[in-house]
């Protein structure tokens, strides 16, 4: 039986999420605040394994099963009346939001690296961020690439090195404990359930479906397993003459601290370029971490050096002053 300290830890995470989600999803912000004040729901969450209690997983599972609850009372009733199905979904599934719009922040640094590139994405989910060369972009209205079905608009501040063209990607490899297959209806439905309700929901769903079609037409190589254990296997697939780029977006908070440290030590010691787009503090030297590892913005870093702040689900990039 969880004690008061366990319940307060869970409640603290939901209160933090309520603040972080307020602008993008007022409904999820209100639901998170309601959860933080509902002892019955907190007991249900505290009874789940560590790592299975996050707001994004709870709300995604509710949306996946029967749609997003309209308010805290409805959420509480569903948790109590449908706890077995909800527990099973939250145990079997993980939060694997795969937002292609994050590629608008990745593109400038990939262009600086130059090509040809072999992209290796850890925590790849369905692999939608392995296709930055298959999407088109607009930075403050300035187009990059011929218009595609997946078109990413981004506002900038600071001296963002907007590229002239798209990178030359010659290999795409993803690593995930349980990679999603966009050609499988249940996996695609889970990805759609992870899109937050709010002003951007319709556009995000349209973009998700379009990016899924790109991936289904030319699937990446997917390696099942742990990011530390499979990274060398992924590097073995890099074609001769290609620059290996290890990248990840919004992955490290889901990795246990000791495993995260091993991964960082490993990637720093390999002959690769390393591009991370994570919550502040998840990569050493990228600022003070927020509760749960998230926060209101991500920090984009290259080889461990922070270069920009970015929107968690894409849309803006703020280039940092560089030494």
Protein backbone atom coordinates (compact mmCIF):
# COMPACT_ATOMS: atom_id res chain seq x y z
CA UNK A 1 0.00 0.00 0.00
CA UNK A 2 1.56 3.35 -0.99
CA UNK A 3 2.29 5.72 1.86
CA UNK A 4 1.68 9.47 2.04
CA UNK A 5 5.19 10.19 0.78
CA UNK A 6 4.60 8.10 -2.36
CA UNK A 7 1.32 9.90 -3.03
CA UNK A 8 2.92 13.32 -2.60
CA UNK A 9 5.71 12.46 -5.03
CA UNK A 10 3.15 11.50 -7.67
CA UNK A 11 1.06 14.59 -6.94
CA UNK A 12 4.11 16.83 -7.25
CA UNK A 13 4.82 15.47 -10.72
CA UNK A 14 1.24 16.13 -11.83
CA UNK A 15 1.28 19.66 -10.41
CA UNK A 16 4.49 20.37 -12.34
CA UNK A 17 2.94 18.98 -15.52
CA UNK A 18 -0.15 21.16 -15.03
CA UNK A 19 2.06 24.23 -15.30
CA UNK A 20 4.09 22.92 -18.23
CA UNK A 21 1.03 21.93 -20.27
CA UNK A 22 -1.10 25.02 -19.62
CA UNK A 23 -0.40 26.81 -22.90
CA UNK A 24 -0.42 23.85 -25.29
CA UNK A 25 -3.22 21.86 -23.66
CA UNK A 26 -5.46 23.64 -21.15
CA UNK A 27 -7.49 20.44 -20.76
CA UNK A 28 -4.46 18.31 -19.84
CA UNK A 29 -3.33 21.06 -17.48
CA UNK A 30 -6.70 20.98 -15.71
CA UNK A 31 -6.76 17.18 -15.62
CA UNK A 32 -3.26 17.05 -14.15
CA UNK A 33 -4.26 19.52 -11.43
CA UNK A 34 -7.33 17.40 -10.69
CA UNK A 35 -5.25 14.23 -10.41
CA UNK A 36 -2.89 15.96 -7.97
CA UNK A 37 -5.86 16.59 -5.67
CA UNK A 38 -7.58 13.20 -6.03
CA UNK A 39 -6.35 10.67 -3.41
CA UNK A 40 -8.03 7.71 -5.15
CA UNK A 41 -6.35 8.40 -8.49
CA UNK A 42 -3.03 9.04 -6.77
CA UNK A 43 -3.29 5.65 -5.03
CA UNK A 44 -3.95 3.98 -8.38
CA UNK A 45 -0.89 5.67 -9.89
CA UNK A 46 1.35 4.97 -6.90
CA UNK A 47 0.47 1.29 -7.25
CA UNK A 48 2.02 1.21 -10.73
CA UNK A 49 5.72 0.49 -11.29
CA UNK A 50 8.13 3.41 -11.28
CA UNK A 51 8.24 4.94 -14.73
CA UNK A 52 4.58 4.08 -15.41
CA UNK A 53 2.96 6.92 -13.50
CA UNK A 54 3.59 9.91 -15.79
CA UNK A 55 0.77 12.24 -16.87
CA UNK A 56 1.50 11.66 -20.56
CA UNK A 57 1.12 7.90 -20.11
CA UNK A 58 -2.08 8.14 -18.03
CA UNK A 59 -3.73 10.61 -20.39
CA UNK A 60 -2.54 8.74 -23.48
CA UNK A 61 -3.93 5.46 -22.13
CA UNK A 62 -7.28 7.08 -21.32
CA UNK A 63 -7.45 8.60 -24.80
CA UNK A 64 -6.47 5.29 -26.40
CA UNK A 65 -9.13 3.31 -24.55
CA UNK A 66 -12.19 5.56 -24.61
CA UNK A 67 -11.18 9.12 -25.45
CA UNK A 68 -9.95 12.00 -23.31
CA UNK A 69 -12.07 12.62 -20.18
CA UNK A 70 -13.79 16.03 -20.26
CA UNK A 71 -12.93 16.90 -16.65
CA UNK A 72 -11.36 15.66 -13.44
CA UNK A 73 -14.55 14.05 -12.13
CA UNK A 74 -14.94 11.96 -15.28
CA UNK A 75 -11.26 11.01 -15.14
CA UNK A 76 -11.57 9.86 -11.54
CA UNK A 77 -14.66 7.80 -12.31
CA UNK A 78 -12.97 6.09 -15.25
CA UNK A 79 -9.84 5.29 -13.25
CA UNK A 80 -11.92 3.59 -10.58
CA UNK A 81 -14.38 1.80 -12.89
CA UNK A 82 -11.90 0.70 -15.56
CA UNK A 83 -8.75 0.27 -13.52
CA UNK A 84 -7.84 -3.19 -14.86
CA UNK A 85 -7.80 -2.15 -18.52
CA UNK A 86 -6.11 1.11 -17.69
CA UNK A 87 -3.43 -0.59 -15.61
CA UNK A 88 -2.76 -3.12 -18.37
CA UNK A 89 -2.43 -0.40 -21.00
CA UNK A 90 -0.09 1.68 -18.86
CA UNK A 91 2.00 -1.40 -18.12
CA UNK A 92 2.16 -2.67 -21.71
CA UNK A 93 2.59 0.69 -23.46
CA UNK A 94 5.06 3.52 -22.95
CA UNK A 95 4.95 7.20 -23.81
CA UNK A 96 6.39 7.28 -27.33
CA UNK A 97 5.33 10.63 -28.68
CA UNK A 98 6.96 10.86 -32.10
CA UNK A 99 6.65 14.48 -33.24
CA UNK A 100 8.08 15.07 -36.70
CA UNK A 101 8.00 18.85 -36.10
CA UNK A 102 11.08 18.45 -33.90
CA UNK A 103 13.03 17.97 -37.13
CA UNK A 104 12.80 21.73 -37.76
CA UNK A 105 15.20 22.20 -34.85
CA UNK A 106 17.40 19.27 -35.87
CA UNK A 107 17.81 20.43 -39.48
CA UNK A 108 20.15 23.42 -38.87
CA UNK A 109 22.62 21.37 -36.83
CA UNK A 110 22.50 18.43 -39.25
CA UNK A 111 23.32 20.85 -42.05
CA UNK A 112 26.33 22.11 -40.09
CA UNK A 113 27.60 18.55 -39.72
CA UNK A 114 27.43 17.96 -43.45
CA UNK A 115 26.92 14.70 -45.26
CA UNK A 116 26.42 12.09 -46.30
CA UNK A 117 24.81 11.26 -42.97
CA UNK A 118 23.87 7.99 -41.31
CA UNK A 119 21.24 8.79 -38.70
CA UNK A 120 21.03 6.57 -35.61
CA UNK A 121 18.12 7.50 -33.38
CA UNK A 122 17.89 6.05 -29.88
CA UNK A 123 14.40 5.86 -28.45
CA UNK A 124 13.14 6.08 -32.01
CA UNK A 125 9.50 5.11 -31.35
CA UNK A 126 8.10 4.89 -34.92
CA UNK A 127 11.11 6.63 -36.47
CA UNK A 128 9.39 9.80 -37.69
CA UNK A 129 12.41 11.95 -36.79
CA UNK A 130 14.71 9.86 -38.98
CA UNK A 131 13.39 11.59 -42.12
CA UNK A 132 14.49 15.26 -41.92
CA UNK A 133 15.41 15.13 -45.62
CA UNK A 134 11.91 13.98 -46.64
CA UNK A 135 10.10 16.95 -45.12
CA UNK A 136 9.99 20.60 -46.21
CA UNK A 137 10.47 23.61 -43.96
CA UNK A 138 9.80 27.29 -43.50
CA UNK A 139 11.86 29.40 -41.10
CA UNK A 140 10.16 32.75 -40.48
CA UNK A 141 8.63 32.32 -43.93
CA UNK A 142 11.90 31.38 -45.64
CA UNK A 143 11.43 28.02 -47.44
CA UNK A 144 13.92 25.17 -47.30
CA UNK A 145 13.31 22.22 -49.61
CA UNK A 146 10.62 21.58 -52.20
CA UNK A 147 7.14 21.56 -50.66
CA UNK A 148 6.18 18.17 -49.20
CA UNK A 149 3.11 16.69 -47.52
CA UNK A 150 4.98 17.11 -44.23
CA UNK A 151 5.78 20.82 -44.10
CA UNK A 152 7.24 22.22 -40.89
CA UNK A 153 6.98 25.92 -40.04
CA UNK A 154 9.33 27.33 -37.44
CA UNK A 155 9.90 30.76 -35.95
CA UNK A 156 13.40 31.71 -34.90
CA UNK A 157 15.25 34.05 -32.62
CA UNK A 158 18.97 34.58 -32.51
CA UNK A 159 21.39 33.70 -35.32
CA UNK A 160 19.88 30.34 -36.30
CA UNK A 161 22.03 28.90 -39.14
CA UNK A 162 19.10 28.22 -41.47
CA UNK A 163 20.41 25.86 -44.16
CA UNK A 164 20.14 26.40 -47.90
CA UNK A 165 19.04 22.84 -48.54
CA UNK A 166 18.31 19.44 -47.05
CA UNK A 167 20.86 16.97 -45.70
CA UNK A 168 22.03 13.93 -47.62
CA UNK A 169 20.83 11.00 -45.50
CA UNK A 170 22.12 7.62 -46.70
CA UNK A 171 21.10 5.41 -43.75
CA UNK A 172 18.41 5.45 -41.04
CA UNK A 173 18.66 3.20 -38.01
CA UNK A 174 16.41 3.31 -34.95
CA UNK A 175 16.89 1.72 -31.54
CA UNK A 176 13.97 1.21 -29.19
CA UNK A 177 12.93 -1.22 -26.47
CA UNK A 178 9.61 -1.60 -28.29
CA UNK A 179 9.61 0.27 -31.58
CA UNK A 180 6.24 1.14 -33.09
CA UNK A 181 5.21 0.14 -36.60
CA UNK A 182 3.17 2.82 -38.37
CA UNK A 183 1.76 0.14 -40.68
CA UNK A 184 0.15 -1.56 -37.67
CA UNK A 185 -3.23 -0.03 -36.84
CA UNK A 186 -2.87 -0.37 -33.06
CA UNK A 187 0.56 1.28 -33.01
CA UNK A 188 -0.63 4.19 -35.15
CA UNK A 189 -3.70 4.57 -32.92
CA UNK A 190 -1.41 4.73 -29.88
CA UNK A 191 0.72 7.44 -31.50
CA UNK A 192 -2.45 9.44 -32.26
CA UNK A 193 -3.66 9.00 -28.67
CA UNK A 194 -0.43 10.60 -27.43
CA UNK A 195 -1.17 13.88 -29.24
CA UNK A 196 -2.38 16.40 -26.67
CA UNK A 197 -5.83 17.95 -27.05
CA UNK A 198 -5.60 21.70 -27.59
CA UNK A 199 -5.17 24.38 -30.24
CA UNK A 200 -2.47 22.44 -32.11
CA UNK A 201 -4.10 19.00 -31.98
CA UNK A 202 -5.67 18.94 -35.45
CA UNK A 203 -2.47 20.09 -37.15
CA UNK A 204 -0.34 17.65 -35.16
CA UNK A 205 -2.60 14.73 -36.09
CA UNK A 206 -2.51 15.70 -39.76
CA UNK A 207 1.28 15.94 -39.62
CA UNK A 208 1.54 12.61 -37.79
CA UNK A 209 -0.50 10.82 -40.43
CA UNK A 210 1.51 12.38 -43.27
CA UNK A 211 4.85 11.52 -41.63
CA UNK A 212 3.65 7.97 -40.95
CA UNK A 213 2.96 7.60 -44.68
CA UNK A 214 6.56 8.67 -45.43
CA UNK A 215 7.94 6.08 -43.00
CA UNK A 216 5.64 3.31 -44.25
CA UNK A 217 6.86 3.91 -47.81
CA UNK A 218 10.54 3.51 -46.88
CA UNK A 219 10.88 1.93 -43.43
CA UNK A 220 14.08 2.43 -41.43
CA UNK A 221 16.16 -0.36 -39.94
CA UNK A 222 14.83 -0.90 -36.41
CA UNK A 223 16.85 -2.61 -33.69
CA UNK A 224 14.97 -3.81 -30.62
CA UNK A 225 16.73 -3.36 -27.32
CA UNK A 226 18.48 -1.08 -24.88
CA UNK A 227 20.17 2.07 -26.17
CA UNK A 228 23.52 1.15 -24.60
CA UNK A 229 23.50 -2.49 -25.68
CA UNK A 230 22.45 -1.88 -29.30
CA UNK A 231 24.38 1.28 -30.18
CA UNK A 232 27.45 -0.56 -31.47
CA UNK A 233 25.19 -2.84 -33.53
CA UNK A 234 23.67 0.26 -35.11
CA UNK A 235 27.09 1.73 -35.86
CA UNK A 236 28.03 -1.46 -37.66
CA UNK A 237 25.29 -0.67 -40.19
CA UNK A 238 26.76 2.72 -41.16
CA UNK A 239 27.85 2.72 -44.82
CA UNK A 240 31.47 3.50 -45.65
CA UNK A 241 32.04 7.21 -46.15
CA UNK A 242 29.00 8.29 -44.14
CA UNK A 243 29.16 10.39 -40.97
CA UNK A 244 27.34 8.61 -38.13
CA UNK A 245 25.03 10.92 -36.18
CA UNK A 246 23.54 9.62 -32.93
CA UNK A 247 20.42 11.62 -32.16
CA UNK A 248 17.53 11.59 -29.72
CA UNK A 249 14.62 13.83 -28.78
CA UNK A 250 12.70 13.66 -25.49
CA UNK A 251 14.13 10.26 -24.55
CA UNK A 252 16.48 10.59 -21.59
CA UNK A 253 13.86 11.25 -18.86
CA UNK A 254 12.49 7.76 -19.58
CA UNK A 255 15.92 6.18 -19.02
CA UNK A 256 17.04 5.26 -15.50
CA UNK A 257 19.73 7.62 -14.20
CA UNK A 258 22.49 5.00 -14.09
CA UNK A 259 21.68 3.78 -17.61
CA UNK A 260 21.52 7.36 -18.84
CA UNK A 261 25.01 8.02 -17.47
CA UNK A 262 26.34 4.90 -19.20
CA UNK A 263 24.84 5.99 -22.51
CA UNK A 264 26.31 9.49 -22.27
CA UNK A 265 29.74 8.06 -21.39
CA UNK A 266 29.48 5.62 -24.30
CA UNK A 267 28.42 8.10 -26.96
CA UNK A 268 31.08 10.62 -25.90
CA UNK A 269 33.73 7.97 -26.49
CA UNK A 270 32.61 6.95 -29.98
CA UNK A 271 33.66 8.43 -33.35
CA UNK A 272 30.19 9.92 -33.94
CA UNK A 273 28.45 13.25 -33.92
CA UNK A 274 25.89 13.51 -31.13
CA UNK A 275 22.71 15.58 -31.44
CA UNK A 276 20.37 15.72 -28.44
CA UNK A 277 17.08 17.58 -28.01
CA UNK A 278 16.11 17.02 -24.39
CA UNK A 279 14.79 18.72 -21.32
CA UNK A 280 17.25 21.06 -19.62
CA UNK A 281 19.79 19.21 -17.51
CA UNK A 282 19.28 15.82 -19.14
CA UNK A 283 22.62 16.33 -20.87
CA UNK A 284 25.30 17.69 -18.55
CA UNK A 285 25.89 21.40 -19.12
CA UNK A 286 22.46 22.17 -20.57
CA UNK A 287 21.02 23.90 -17.52
CA UNK A 288 19.05 23.09 -14.39
CA UNK A 289 16.69 20.14 -14.72
CA UNK A 290 12.95 20.40 -14.11
CA UNK A 291 10.75 17.91 -12.22
CA UNK A 292 10.35 14.79 -14.31
CA UNK A 293 13.10 15.91 -16.69
CA UNK A 294 10.89 18.08 -18.89
CA UNK A 295 10.19 21.80 -18.44
CA UNK A 296 8.80 24.50 -20.74
CA UNK A 297 11.48 24.08 -23.41
CA UNK A 298 14.07 21.60 -24.65
CA UNK A 299 17.78 22.25 -25.07
CA UNK A 300 19.35 21.32 -28.39
CA UNK A 301 22.97 20.26 -27.99
CA UNK A 302 25.69 19.09 -30.38
CA UNK A 303 28.42 16.83 -29.00
CA UNK A 304 27.29 17.86 -25.51
CA UNK A 305 27.44 21.61 -26.19
CA UNK A 306 24.12 23.50 -25.93
CA UNK A 307 23.30 25.54 -29.02
CA UNK A 308 19.58 26.39 -28.78
CA UNK A 309 16.34 26.23 -26.84
CA UNK A 310 13.49 24.63 -28.73
CA UNK A 311 9.75 24.03 -28.44
CA UNK A 312 9.03 20.55 -27.00
CA UNK A 313 6.65 19.69 -29.84
CA UNK A 314 8.25 21.87 -32.51
CA UNK A 315 7.46 25.35 -33.81
CA UNK A 316 10.25 27.61 -32.56
CA UNK A 317 13.99 27.67 -32.00
CA UNK A 318 15.98 30.19 -29.96
CA UNK A 319 19.68 30.10 -30.83
CA UNK A 320 21.94 30.61 -27.83
CA UNK A 321 24.97 32.92 -27.80
CA UNK A 322 28.04 30.89 -28.71
CA UNK A 323 31.56 31.26 -27.40
